[in-house]
């Protein structure tokens, strides 16, 4: 980044004295990440910060947040940014309790659940005692054969 662009970048942050985070106070995307247009291209501000202050982002890597107070998507402090794989980033998300997708809310508490915890216990009992085949259970409980297989093999509803 040239000097004028760097001055423009730095004018869009406020430093949080408690955490040291450089909070992006300008435009943000729907996920809360700062955005800035630089040389005709729209960037996420934390990625631009990493590239300017740390160096190139390795091929296939993402820029992760490692703020003292936890992940802060609006932070652009290069000392709080590190490159990593997508898998590293997903582990960070789960560890921080921000995982909202499949598996985040297990069992009947999941918004799309068709079964209750009790249904799953019954399914497993009927299947393990060979009282009903998976195809019969699918019809009885109104779920797909793929879902049924994952339930009886404990890939889904593992908490039961």
N, C-alpha and C. Protein backbone atom coordinates (compact mmCIF):
# COMPACT_ATOMS: atom_id res chain seq x y z
N UNK A 1 0.85 -1.17 0.00
CA UNK A 1 0.00 0.00 0.00
C UNK A 1 0.89 1.23 0.00
N UNK A 2 0.58 2.14 -0.84
CA UNK A 2 1.33 3.39 -0.86
C UNK A 2 0.91 4.27 0.31
N UNK A 3 1.67 5.30 0.57
CA UNK A 3 1.48 6.15 1.75
C UNK A 3 0.07 6.73 1.85
N UNK A 4 -0.46 7.27 0.77
CA UNK A 4 -1.79 7.86 0.79
C UNK A 4 -2.85 6.80 1.10
N UNK A 5 -2.70 5.65 0.49
CA UNK A 5 -3.65 4.56 0.73
C UNK A 5 -3.54 4.05 2.16
N UNK A 6 -2.33 3.98 2.70
CA UNK A 6 -2.14 3.55 4.09
C UNK A 6 -2.78 4.54 5.05
N UNK A 7 -2.60 5.84 4.78
CA UNK A 7 -3.24 6.87 5.62
C UNK A 7 -4.76 6.71 5.59
N UNK A 8 -5.31 6.45 4.41
CA UNK A 8 -6.75 6.25 4.27
C UNK A 8 -7.19 5.02 5.06
N UNK A 9 -6.42 3.95 4.96
CA UNK A 9 -6.70 2.71 5.69
C UNK A 9 -6.71 2.97 7.20
N UNK A 10 -5.65 3.60 7.69
CA UNK A 10 -5.51 3.84 9.13
C UNK A 10 -6.55 4.81 9.67
N UNK A 11 -7.11 5.67 8.80
CA UNK A 11 -8.14 6.61 9.25
C UNK A 11 -9.47 5.90 9.53
N UNK A 12 -9.58 4.64 9.15
CA UNK A 12 -10.81 3.89 9.29
C UNK A 12 -10.78 2.92 10.47
N UNK A 13 -9.82 3.12 11.38
CA UNK A 13 -9.73 2.24 12.54
C UNK A 13 -9.77 3.05 13.84
N UNK A 14 -10.25 2.39 14.88
CA UNK A 14 -10.16 2.92 16.23
C UNK A 14 -9.51 1.84 17.07
N UNK A 15 -8.58 2.21 17.91
CA UNK A 15 -7.87 1.22 18.72
C UNK A 15 -8.60 1.01 20.05
N UNK A 16 -8.90 -0.24 20.33
CA UNK A 16 -9.51 -0.61 21.60
C UNK A 16 -8.39 -0.74 22.62
N UNK A 17 -8.35 0.16 23.59
CA UNK A 17 -7.27 0.20 24.57
C UNK A 17 -7.19 -1.07 25.42
N UNK A 18 -8.32 -1.72 25.64
CA UNK A 18 -8.34 -2.93 26.48
C UNK A 18 -7.79 -4.15 25.77
N UNK A 19 -8.12 -4.31 24.49
CA UNK A 19 -7.73 -5.53 23.77
C UNK A 19 -6.60 -5.32 22.78
N UNK A 20 -6.36 -4.07 22.41
CA UNK A 20 -5.37 -3.79 21.37
C UNK A 20 -5.91 -4.01 19.97
N UNK A 21 -7.19 -4.37 19.87
CA UNK A 21 -7.78 -4.56 18.54
C UNK A 21 -7.85 -3.23 17.80
N UNK A 22 -7.58 -3.29 16.52
CA UNK A 22 -7.77 -2.15 15.64
C UNK A 22 -9.17 -2.36 15.03
N UNK A 23 -10.16 -1.67 15.53
CA UNK A 23 -11.53 -1.89 15.11
C UNK A 23 -11.82 -1.11 13.84
N UNK A 24 -12.28 -1.83 12.84
CA UNK A 24 -12.64 -1.22 11.56
C UNK A 24 -13.98 -0.51 11.74
N UNK A 25 -14.00 0.81 11.53
CA UNK A 25 -15.21 1.60 11.77
C UNK A 25 -15.87 2.07 10.47
N UNK A 26 -15.35 1.63 9.34
CA UNK A 26 -15.93 2.02 8.05
C UNK A 26 -16.86 0.89 7.57
N UNK A 27 -17.01 0.76 6.28
CA UNK A 27 -17.93 -0.21 5.69
C UNK A 27 -17.61 -1.64 6.13
N UNK A 28 -18.67 -2.41 6.34
CA UNK A 28 -18.53 -3.82 6.71
C UNK A 28 -19.46 -4.66 5.86
N UNK A 29 -19.08 -5.92 5.66
CA UNK A 29 -19.96 -6.82 4.93
C UNK A 29 -20.97 -7.44 5.89
N UNK A 30 -21.80 -8.32 5.40
CA UNK A 30 -22.85 -8.92 6.21
C UNK A 30 -22.35 -9.77 7.36
N UNK A 31 -21.09 -10.17 7.33
CA UNK A 31 -20.50 -10.99 8.40
C UNK A 31 -19.73 -10.15 9.41
N UNK A 32 -19.73 -8.83 9.23
CA UNK A 32 -19.04 -7.94 10.17
C UNK A 32 -17.59 -7.68 9.85
N UNK A 33 -17.11 -8.17 8.71
CA UNK A 33 -15.73 -7.91 8.30
C UNK A 33 -15.65 -6.56 7.61
N UNK A 34 -14.62 -5.79 7.95
CA UNK A 34 -14.41 -4.51 7.30
C UNK A 34 -14.13 -4.70 5.83
N UNK A 35 -14.61 -3.75 5.02
CA UNK A 35 -14.34 -3.79 3.59
C UNK A 35 -13.80 -2.44 3.14
N UNK A 36 -12.92 -2.49 2.15
CA UNK A 36 -12.34 -1.27 1.60
C UNK A 36 -12.02 -1.52 0.13
N UNK A 37 -12.22 -0.47 -0.66
CA UNK A 37 -11.88 -0.55 -2.07
C UNK A 37 -10.48 0.02 -2.23
N UNK A 38 -9.61 -0.75 -2.86
CA UNK A 38 -8.22 -0.35 -3.05
C UNK A 38 -7.82 -0.73 -4.47
N UNK A 39 -7.33 0.25 -5.21
CA UNK A 39 -6.92 0.06 -6.60
C UNK A 39 -8.01 -0.62 -7.43
N UNK A 40 -9.26 -0.15 -7.19
CA UNK A 40 -10.39 -0.63 -7.99
C UNK A 40 -10.95 -1.98 -7.58
N UNK A 41 -10.41 -2.59 -6.54
CA UNK A 41 -10.88 -3.89 -6.10
C UNK A 41 -11.35 -3.82 -4.66
N UNK A 42 -12.46 -4.49 -4.37
CA UNK A 42 -13.00 -4.55 -3.01
C UNK A 42 -12.25 -5.63 -2.22
N UNK A 43 -11.79 -5.29 -1.03
CA UNK A 43 -11.06 -6.22 -0.17
C UNK A 43 -11.71 -6.29 1.19
N UNK A 44 -11.52 -7.40 1.85
CA UNK A 44 -11.79 -7.45 3.28
C UNK A 44 -10.59 -6.79 3.95
N UNK A 45 -10.88 -5.87 4.85
CA UNK A 45 -9.83 -5.04 5.45
C UNK A 45 -8.79 -5.85 6.21
N UNK A 46 -9.20 -6.92 6.88
CA UNK A 46 -8.23 -7.70 7.65
C UNK A 46 -7.24 -8.41 6.72
N UNK A 47 -7.68 -8.80 5.55
CA UNK A 47 -6.78 -9.45 4.59
C UNK A 47 -5.77 -8.43 4.04
N UNK A 48 -6.26 -7.24 3.74
CA UNK A 48 -5.38 -6.19 3.24
C UNK A 48 -4.35 -5.81 4.31
N UNK A 49 -4.79 -5.74 5.56
CA UNK A 49 -3.89 -5.44 6.67
C UNK A 49 -2.80 -6.51 6.78
N UNK A 50 -3.22 -7.76 6.72
CA UNK A 50 -2.25 -8.86 6.81
C UNK A 50 -1.21 -8.74 5.68
N UNK A 51 -1.70 -8.55 4.46
CA UNK A 51 -0.79 -8.49 3.32
C UNK A 51 0.17 -7.30 3.42
N UNK A 52 -0.32 -6.17 3.93
CA UNK A 52 0.55 -5.00 4.02
C UNK A 52 1.57 -5.12 5.16
N UNK A 53 1.12 -5.51 6.33
CA UNK A 53 1.98 -5.49 7.51
C UNK A 53 2.74 -6.79 7.75
N UNK A 54 2.19 -7.93 7.32
CA UNK A 54 2.81 -9.23 7.59
C UNK A 54 3.48 -9.78 6.34
N UNK A 55 2.73 -9.84 5.25
CA UNK A 55 3.27 -10.37 4.01
C UNK A 55 2.19 -11.07 3.21
N UNK A 56 2.57 -11.67 2.10
CA UNK A 56 1.59 -12.34 1.25
C UNK A 56 0.87 -13.47 1.99
N UNK A 57 -0.40 -13.63 1.67
CA UNK A 57 -1.17 -14.75 2.22
C UNK A 57 -0.80 -15.98 1.40
N UNK A 58 -0.31 -17.03 2.06
CA UNK A 58 0.07 -18.23 1.30
C UNK A 58 -1.09 -18.79 0.49
N UNK A 59 -0.77 -19.36 -0.64
CA UNK A 59 -1.76 -19.94 -1.55
C UNK A 59 -2.64 -20.94 -0.80
N UNK A 60 -3.95 -20.77 -0.94
CA UNK A 60 -4.90 -21.69 -0.32
C UNK A 60 -5.16 -21.43 1.16
N UNK A 61 -4.58 -20.37 1.71
CA UNK A 61 -4.77 -20.06 3.12
C UNK A 61 -5.78 -18.94 3.30
N UNK A 62 -6.32 -18.85 4.49
CA UNK A 62 -7.21 -17.77 4.88
C UNK A 62 -6.52 -16.96 5.97
N UNK A 63 -7.05 -15.78 6.26
CA UNK A 63 -6.52 -14.96 7.36
C UNK A 63 -7.47 -15.12 8.54
N UNK A 64 -6.94 -15.63 9.64
CA UNK A 64 -7.72 -15.91 10.84
C UNK A 64 -7.50 -14.82 11.88
N UNK A 65 -8.49 -14.64 12.74
CA UNK A 65 -8.38 -13.69 13.85
C UNK A 65 -7.96 -14.43 15.11
N UNK A 66 -7.06 -13.81 15.86
CA UNK A 66 -6.59 -14.39 17.12
C UNK A 66 -6.48 -13.26 18.14
N UNK A 67 -7.60 -12.58 18.37
CA UNK A 67 -7.63 -11.44 19.27
C UNK A 67 -7.62 -11.92 20.73
N UNK A 68 -7.03 -11.12 21.64
CA UNK A 68 -6.98 -11.52 23.04
C UNK A 68 -8.35 -11.78 23.67
N UNK A 69 -9.35 -11.05 23.22
CA UNK A 69 -10.69 -11.22 23.79
C UNK A 69 -11.54 -12.19 22.97
N UNK A 70 -10.92 -12.94 22.07
CA UNK A 70 -11.65 -13.85 21.19
C UNK A 70 -11.71 -13.28 19.79
N UNK A 71 -12.25 -14.06 18.89
CA UNK A 71 -12.35 -13.62 17.50
C UNK A 71 -13.14 -12.32 17.41
N UNK A 72 -12.62 -11.40 16.62
CA UNK A 72 -13.29 -10.12 16.41
C UNK A 72 -13.19 -9.81 14.93
N UNK A 73 -14.25 -10.09 14.19
CA UNK A 73 -14.20 -9.96 12.73
C UNK A 73 -13.92 -8.54 12.26
N UNK A 74 -14.13 -7.54 13.10
CA UNK A 74 -13.86 -6.17 12.67
C UNK A 74 -12.44 -5.72 13.04
N UNK A 75 -11.63 -6.61 13.63
CA UNK A 75 -10.25 -6.25 13.99
C UNK A 75 -9.33 -6.40 12.78
N UNK A 76 -8.46 -5.39 12.59
CA UNK A 76 -7.49 -5.43 11.49
C UNK A 76 -6.05 -5.29 12.02
N UNK A 77 -5.87 -5.48 13.34
CA UNK A 77 -4.53 -5.40 13.92
C UNK A 77 -3.70 -6.57 13.40
N UNK A 78 -2.61 -6.30 12.69
CA UNK A 78 -1.82 -7.40 12.12
C UNK A 78 -1.25 -8.35 13.17
N UNK A 79 -1.11 -7.88 14.40
CA UNK A 79 -0.63 -8.76 15.47
C UNK A 79 -1.70 -9.74 15.92
N UNK A 80 -2.94 -9.50 15.53
CA UNK A 80 -4.05 -10.39 15.88
C UNK A 80 -4.48 -11.25 14.70
N UNK A 81 -3.73 -11.21 13.62
CA UNK A 81 -4.08 -11.95 12.41
C UNK A 81 -3.03 -13.01 12.12
N UNK A 82 -3.48 -14.17 11.66
CA UNK A 82 -2.54 -15.20 11.27
C UNK A 82 -3.11 -15.99 10.11
N UNK A 83 -2.23 -16.48 9.28
CA UNK A 83 -2.65 -17.27 8.14
C UNK A 83 -2.86 -18.71 8.59
N UNK A 84 -3.80 -19.37 7.98
CA UNK A 84 -4.06 -20.77 8.30
C UNK A 84 -4.95 -21.38 7.25
N UNK A 85 -5.19 -22.66 7.40
CA UNK A 85 -6.05 -23.36 6.46
C UNK A 85 -7.51 -23.10 6.80
N UNK A 86 -8.36 -23.45 5.88
CA UNK A 86 -9.80 -23.34 6.13
C UNK A 86 -10.17 -24.22 7.34
N UNK A 87 -9.55 -25.39 7.43
CA UNK A 87 -9.83 -26.30 8.55
C UNK A 87 -9.42 -25.65 9.88
N UNK A 88 -8.27 -24.97 9.90
CA UNK A 88 -7.85 -24.24 11.11
C UNK A 88 -8.92 -23.22 11.50
N UNK A 89 -9.43 -22.51 10.50
CA UNK A 89 -10.43 -21.47 10.74
C UNK A 89 -11.72 -22.08 11.29
N UNK A 90 -12.11 -23.24 10.77
CA UNK A 90 -13.32 -23.91 11.25
C UNK A 90 -13.14 -24.38 12.69
N UNK A 91 -11.94 -24.87 13.02
CA UNK A 91 -11.66 -25.27 14.41
C UNK A 91 -11.76 -24.06 15.34
N UNK A 92 -11.23 -22.92 14.88
CA UNK A 92 -11.33 -21.68 15.67
C UNK A 92 -12.80 -21.34 15.93
N UNK A 93 -13.61 -21.46 14.89
CA UNK A 93 -15.02 -21.11 14.98
C UNK A 93 -15.74 -22.00 16.01
N UNK A 94 -15.48 -23.29 15.95
CA UNK A 94 -16.12 -24.22 16.88
C UNK A 94 -15.63 -23.94 18.30
N UNK A 95 -14.31 -23.74 18.46
CA UNK A 95 -13.74 -23.48 19.79
C UNK A 95 -14.31 -22.21 20.40
N UNK A 96 -14.62 -21.23 19.56
CA UNK A 96 -15.16 -19.95 20.05
C UNK A 96 -16.67 -20.00 20.24
N UNK A 97 -17.30 -21.13 19.89
CA UNK A 97 -18.74 -21.25 20.06
C UNK A 97 -19.55 -20.48 19.04
N UNK A 98 -18.96 -20.22 17.87
CA UNK A 98 -19.68 -19.45 16.84
C UNK A 98 -20.24 -20.35 15.75
N UNK A 99 -20.11 -21.65 15.91
CA UNK A 99 -20.59 -22.60 14.90
C UNK A 99 -22.11 -22.65 14.93
N UNK A 100 -22.74 -22.30 13.81
CA UNK A 100 -24.19 -22.26 13.76
C UNK A 100 -24.76 -23.27 12.78
N UNK A 101 -23.93 -24.04 12.17
CA UNK A 101 -24.39 -24.98 11.15
C UNK A 101 -24.67 -26.36 11.70
N UNK A 102 -24.60 -27.33 10.82
CA UNK A 102 -24.88 -28.72 11.15
C UNK A 102 -24.06 -29.16 12.36
N UNK A 103 -24.70 -29.72 13.35
CA UNK A 103 -24.01 -30.22 14.53
C UNK A 103 -23.87 -29.21 15.65
N UNK A 104 -24.14 -27.93 15.36
CA UNK A 104 -23.96 -26.91 16.39
C UNK A 104 -25.03 -27.01 17.47
N UNK A 105 -26.19 -27.39 17.07
CA UNK A 105 -27.30 -27.51 17.99
C UNK A 105 -27.82 -28.93 17.82
N UNK A 106 -27.36 -29.86 18.65
CA UNK A 106 -27.63 -31.27 18.36
C UNK A 106 -29.08 -31.69 18.62
N UNK A 107 -29.46 -32.73 17.90
CA UNK A 107 -30.71 -33.39 18.15
C UNK A 107 -31.94 -32.55 17.91
N UNK A 108 -32.91 -32.75 18.77
CA UNK A 108 -34.22 -32.12 18.59
C UNK A 108 -34.16 -30.60 18.73
N UNK A 109 -33.06 -30.07 19.29
CA UNK A 109 -32.93 -28.61 19.42
C UNK A 109 -32.57 -27.95 18.09
N UNK A 110 -32.11 -28.73 17.12
CA UNK A 110 -31.76 -28.18 15.81
C UNK A 110 -33.04 -27.72 15.12
N UNK A 111 -32.99 -26.56 14.51
CA UNK A 111 -34.17 -25.97 13.89
C UNK A 111 -34.81 -26.81 12.81
N UNK A 112 -34.05 -27.68 12.14
CA UNK A 112 -34.59 -28.50 11.07
C UNK A 112 -34.89 -29.93 11.49
N UNK A 113 -34.78 -30.24 12.77
CA UNK A 113 -34.98 -31.61 13.24
C UNK A 113 -36.41 -32.08 13.00
N UNK A 114 -36.52 -33.28 12.43
CA UNK A 114 -37.83 -33.91 12.25
C UNK A 114 -38.10 -34.91 13.36
N UNK A 115 -37.05 -35.31 14.06
CA UNK A 115 -37.16 -36.34 15.09
C UNK A 115 -36.90 -35.75 16.47
N UNK A 116 -37.39 -36.45 17.47
CA UNK A 116 -37.06 -36.09 18.84
C UNK A 116 -35.96 -37.03 19.32
N UNK A 117 -35.37 -36.70 20.45
CA UNK A 117 -34.36 -37.59 21.03
C UNK A 117 -34.98 -38.96 21.30
N UNK A 118 -36.21 -38.96 21.76
CA UNK A 118 -36.90 -40.23 22.03
C UNK A 118 -37.07 -41.04 20.75
N UNK A 119 -37.43 -40.39 19.63
CA UNK A 119 -37.56 -41.09 18.35
C UNK A 119 -36.27 -41.82 18.00
N UNK A 120 -35.16 -41.14 18.20
CA UNK A 120 -33.86 -41.73 17.85
C UNK A 120 -33.58 -42.93 18.74
N UNK A 121 -33.90 -42.84 20.01
CA UNK A 121 -33.71 -44.00 20.91
C UNK A 121 -34.55 -45.18 20.44
N UNK A 122 -35.79 -44.92 20.05
CA UNK A 122 -36.68 -45.98 19.57
C UNK A 122 -36.14 -46.57 18.27
N UNK A 123 -35.71 -45.71 17.35
CA UNK A 123 -35.16 -46.18 16.08
C UNK A 123 -33.98 -47.13 16.33
N UNK A 124 -33.08 -46.70 17.18
CA UNK A 124 -31.89 -47.53 17.45
C UNK A 124 -32.26 -48.85 18.12
N UNK A 125 -33.22 -48.81 19.01
CA UNK A 125 -33.67 -50.03 19.68
C UNK A 125 -34.31 -50.99 18.67
N UNK A 126 -35.23 -50.47 17.86
CA UNK A 126 -35.91 -51.31 16.87
C UNK A 126 -34.92 -51.88 15.85
N UNK A 127 -33.94 -51.10 15.50
CA UNK A 127 -32.95 -51.56 14.52
C UNK A 127 -32.00 -52.58 15.14
N UNK A 128 -31.49 -52.29 16.33
CA UNK A 128 -30.49 -53.19 16.95
C UNK A 128 -31.09 -54.53 17.36
N UNK A 129 -32.39 -54.54 17.67
CA UNK A 129 -33.05 -55.80 18.04
C UNK A 129 -33.68 -56.47 16.82
N UNK A 130 -33.41 -55.92 15.65
CA UNK A 130 -33.88 -56.46 14.37
C UNK A 130 -35.40 -56.58 14.28
N UNK A 131 -36.10 -55.70 15.00
CA UNK A 131 -37.56 -55.69 14.93
C UNK A 131 -38.05 -55.00 13.65
N UNK A 132 -37.23 -54.05 13.16
CA UNK A 132 -37.57 -53.36 11.90
C UNK A 132 -36.30 -53.11 11.11
N UNK A 133 -36.43 -53.19 9.79
CA UNK A 133 -35.32 -52.87 8.89
C UNK A 133 -35.26 -51.35 8.72
N UNK A 134 -34.11 -50.89 8.25
CA UNK A 134 -33.95 -49.44 8.04
C UNK A 134 -35.01 -48.89 7.09
N UNK A 135 -35.32 -49.62 6.03
CA UNK A 135 -36.32 -49.13 5.06
C UNK A 135 -37.68 -48.96 5.72
N UNK A 136 -38.04 -49.88 6.61
CA UNK A 136 -39.31 -49.78 7.33
C UNK A 136 -39.29 -48.59 8.29
N UNK A 137 -38.16 -48.41 8.95
CA UNK A 137 -38.01 -47.28 9.87
C UNK A 137 -38.12 -45.95 9.14
N UNK A 138 -37.54 -45.90 7.93
CA UNK A 138 -37.61 -44.67 7.11
C UNK A 138 -39.07 -44.29 6.86
N UNK A 139 -39.86 -45.28 6.47
CA UNK A 139 -41.28 -45.02 6.20
C UNK A 139 -42.03 -44.63 7.47
N UNK A 140 -41.73 -45.32 8.56
CA UNK A 140 -42.43 -45.07 9.81
C UNK A 140 -42.13 -43.67 10.37
N UNK A 141 -40.89 -43.20 10.19
CA UNK A 141 -40.49 -41.92 10.78
C UNK A 141 -40.38 -40.78 9.76
N UNK A 142 -40.60 -41.10 8.49
CA UNK A 142 -40.62 -40.07 7.46
C UNK A 142 -39.29 -39.41 7.18
N UNK A 143 -38.21 -40.21 7.19
CA UNK A 143 -36.88 -39.66 6.89
C UNK A 143 -36.23 -40.48 5.79
N UNK A 144 -35.19 -39.93 5.18
CA UNK A 144 -34.51 -40.59 4.08
C UNK A 144 -33.67 -41.76 4.56
N UNK A 145 -33.32 -42.64 3.62
CA UNK A 145 -32.48 -43.79 3.96
C UNK A 145 -31.07 -43.35 4.38
N UNK A 146 -30.58 -42.27 3.76
CA UNK A 146 -29.26 -41.75 4.13
C UNK A 146 -29.24 -41.24 5.56
N UNK A 147 -30.28 -40.51 5.93
CA UNK A 147 -30.40 -40.00 7.30
C UNK A 147 -30.53 -41.17 8.28
N UNK A 148 -31.35 -42.15 7.92
CA UNK A 148 -31.54 -43.31 8.81
C UNK A 148 -30.22 -44.03 9.04
N UNK A 149 -29.46 -44.22 7.98
CA UNK A 149 -28.17 -44.90 8.10
C UNK A 149 -27.25 -44.14 9.05
N UNK A 150 -27.23 -42.82 8.94
CA UNK A 150 -26.36 -42.01 9.80
C UNK A 150 -26.83 -42.05 11.25
N UNK A 151 -28.13 -42.19 11.47
CA UNK A 151 -28.66 -42.28 12.84
C UNK A 151 -28.30 -43.62 13.46
N UNK A 152 -28.56 -44.72 12.74
CA UNK A 152 -28.29 -46.04 13.34
C UNK A 152 -26.80 -46.30 13.49
N UNK A 153 -25.99 -45.66 12.67
CA UNK A 153 -24.53 -45.82 12.77
C UNK A 153 -23.88 -44.75 13.63
N UNK A 154 -24.70 -43.97 14.31
CA UNK A 154 -24.27 -42.95 15.27
C UNK A 154 -23.37 -41.86 14.68
N UNK A 155 -23.59 -41.55 13.40
CA UNK A 155 -22.88 -40.42 12.81
C UNK A 155 -23.67 -39.14 13.07
N UNK A 156 -24.98 -39.26 13.18
CA UNK A 156 -25.86 -38.17 13.58
C UNK A 156 -26.46 -38.54 14.93
N UNK A 157 -26.83 -37.54 15.69
CA UNK A 157 -27.45 -37.74 17.01
C UNK A 157 -26.49 -38.53 17.91
N UNK A 158 -25.21 -38.20 17.85
CA UNK A 158 -24.20 -38.92 18.64
C UNK A 158 -24.38 -38.71 20.14
N UNK A 159 -25.02 -37.62 20.51
CA UNK A 159 -25.17 -37.32 21.94
C UNK A 159 -26.15 -38.27 22.63
N UNK A 160 -26.85 -39.10 21.87
CA UNK A 160 -27.83 -40.04 22.44
C UNK A 160 -27.23 -41.44 22.46
